[in-house]
C-alpha atoms as a PDB file:
ATOM      1  CA  MET A   1       6.845 -11.074  17.346  1.00  0.00           C
ATOM      2  CA  ASP A   2       5.187 -10.492  20.885  1.00  0.00           C
ATOM      3  CA  GLU A   3       1.571  -9.924  19.650  1.00  0.00           C
ATOM      4  CA  VAL A   4      -1.079 -10.739  17.213  1.00  0.00           C
ATOM      5  CA  PHE A   5      -4.253  -9.118  17.209  1.00  0.00           C
ATOM      6  CA  ILE A   6      -7.286 -10.952  15.438  1.00  0.00           C
ATOM      7  CA  GLN A   7     -10.585  -9.672  14.564  1.00  0.00           C
ATOM      8  CA  VAL A   8     -13.066 -12.083  13.339  1.00  0.00           C
ATOM      9  CA  ARG A   9     -16.313 -11.563  11.514  1.00  0.00           C
ATOM     10  CA  ILE A  10     -18.794 -14.529  11.099  1.00  0.00           C
ATOM     11  CA  SER A  11     -21.715 -14.869   9.130  1.00  0.00           C
ATOM     12  CA  GLN A  12     -23.794 -18.177   9.582  1.00  0.00           C
ATOM     13  CA  CYS A  13     -26.337 -19.114   7.161  1.00  0.00           C
ATOM     14  CA  TYR A  14     -27.183 -22.930   8.263  1.00  0.00           C
ATOM     15  CA  SER A  15     -26.284 -25.207  10.677  1.00  0.00           C
ATOM     16  CA  GLN A  16     -23.660 -28.248   9.578  1.00  0.00           C
ATOM     17  CA  ALA A  17     -23.214 -31.250  11.696  1.00  0.00           C
ATOM     18  CA  VAL A  18     -19.762 -31.886  12.885  1.00  0.00           C
ATOM     19  CA  THR A  19     -19.383 -35.303  11.577  1.00  0.00           C
ATOM     20  CA  VAL A  20     -20.126 -34.130   7.946  1.00  0.00           C
ATOM     21  CA  THR A  21     -17.100 -33.436   5.526  1.00  0.00           C
ATOM     22  CA  SER A  22     -17.570 -30.304   3.834  1.00  0.00           C
ATOM     23  CA  PRO A  23     -15.591 -28.121   1.176  1.00  0.00           C
ATOM     24  CA  VAL A  24     -14.128 -25.068   2.287  1.00  0.00           C
ATOM     25  CA  ARG A  25     -12.699 -22.312   0.030  1.00  0.00           C
ATOM     26  CA  GLY A  26     -11.103 -19.185   0.717  1.00  0.00           C
ATOM     27  CA  GLN A  27      -9.352 -16.304  -0.310  1.00  0.00           C
ATOM     28  CA  VAL A  28      -6.567 -13.781   0.883  1.00  0.00           C
ATOM     29  CA  ASN A  29      -8.600  -9.748   0.632  1.00  0.00           C
ATOM     30  CA  GLY A  30      -5.737  -8.005   1.445  1.00  0.00           C
ATOM     31  CA  LEU A  31      -2.291  -7.302   2.805  1.00  0.00           C
ATOM     32  CA  THR A  32      -1.182  -4.067   3.885  1.00  0.00           C
ATOM     33  CA  ARG A  33       1.655  -2.716   5.701  1.00  0.00           C
ATOM     34  CA  LYS A  34       0.828   0.289   8.048  1.00  0.00           C
ATOM     35  CA  ARG A  35       2.499   2.530  10.630  1.00  0.00           C
ATOM     36  CA  SER A  36       1.349   3.229  14.286  1.00  0.00           C
ATOM     37  CA  ARG A  37       2.102   5.154  17.199  1.00  0.00           C
ATOM     38  CA  LYS A  38       1.950   2.674  19.186  1.00  0.00           C
ATOM     39  CA  LEU A  39       2.794  -0.741  17.370  1.00  0.00           C
ATOM     40  CA  GLY A  40       5.155   0.893  14.902  1.00  0.00           C
ATOM     41  CA  ILE A  41       5.134  -0.874  11.558  1.00  0.00           C
ATOM     42  CA  MET A  42       2.456  -3.714  11.204  1.00  0.00           C
ATOM     43  CA  ASP A  43       1.143  -5.825   8.739  1.00  0.00           C
ATOM     44  CA  VAL A  44      -2.778  -6.312   8.380  1.00  0.00           C
ATOM     45  CA  LEU A  45      -3.721  -9.482   6.864  1.00  0.00           C
ATOM     46  CA  GLU A  46      -7.598 -10.031   6.110  1.00  0.00           C
ATOM     47  CA  TYR A  47      -8.786 -13.230   4.357  1.00  0.00           C
ATOM     48  CA  THR A  48     -12.224 -15.041   4.209  1.00  0.00           C
ATOM     49  CA  LEU A  49     -13.061 -18.562   4.422  1.00  0.00           C
ATOM     50  CA  HIS A  50     -16.390 -20.238   3.035  1.00  0.00           C
ATOM     51  CA  LEU A  51     -18.021 -23.337   4.480  1.00  0.00           C
ATOM     52  CA  ASP A  52     -20.411 -24.856   1.964  1.00  0.00           C
ATOM     53  CA  ARG A  53     -22.782 -27.661   2.355  1.00  0.00           C
ATOM     54  CA  ASN A  54     -22.397 -30.613   0.237  1.00  0.00           C
ATOM     55  CA  ASP A  55     -25.636 -29.371  -1.733  1.00  0.00           C
ATOM     56  CA  GLY A  56     -23.445 -26.269  -2.639  1.00  0.00           C
ATOM     57  CA  THR A  57     -25.407 -23.861  -0.345  1.00  0.00           C
ATOM     58  CA  ARG A  58     -23.287 -21.839   1.772  1.00  0.00           C
ATOM     59  CA  ALA A  59     -23.039 -22.838   5.678  1.00  0.00           C
ATOM     60  CA  CYS A  60     -21.101 -19.926   6.738  1.00  0.00           C
ATOM     61  CA  THR A  61     -18.434 -17.259   5.920  1.00  0.00           C
ATOM     62  CA  ILE A  62     -15.537 -16.259   8.209  1.00  0.00           C
ATOM     63  CA  THR A  63     -13.575 -13.043   7.731  1.00  0.00           C
ATOM     64  CA  ASN A  64     -10.617 -12.661   9.804  1.00  0.00           C
ATOM     65  CA  THR A  65      -8.125 -10.011  10.232  1.00  0.00           C
ATOM     66  CA  TRP A  66      -4.675 -10.361  11.936  1.00  0.00           C
ATOM     67  CA  ILE A  67      -2.557  -7.452  12.715  1.00  0.00           C
ATOM     68  CA  LEU A  68       1.007  -8.322  13.176  1.00  0.00           C
ATOM     69  CA  PRO A  69       3.268  -5.978  14.663  1.00  0.00           C
ATOM     70  CA  ARG A  70       6.761  -5.774  13.019  1.00  0.00           C
ATOM     71  CA  GLY A  71       8.319  -3.153  15.351  1.00  0.00           C
ATOM     72  CA  HIS A  72       9.302   0.349  15.046  1.00  0.00           C
ATOM     73  CA  ASP A  73      11.972   1.732  12.831  1.00  0.00           C
ATOM     74  CA  ASN A  74      14.782   2.048  14.849  1.00  0.00           C
ATOM     75  CA  ALA A  75      14.256  -1.548  16.610  1.00  0.00           C
ATOM     76  CA  ALA A  76      17.155  -3.852  15.763  1.00  0.00           C
END
């Protein structure tokens, strides 16, 4: 695989100290195979991570979208 394209969306609700250990939860939102004229076959992976403060309030949410080119149909 030569290239990976990544899009990141961040929603920060509260600041968080670097030295604090906090729970992180996540989920896969989707994994879809698509075709592109330029990239050929590609997989689009989207997942979300939630960072929570120790009192249970949400500190931030990050949604990442990775585009993983798989090559063209005629590629060996």
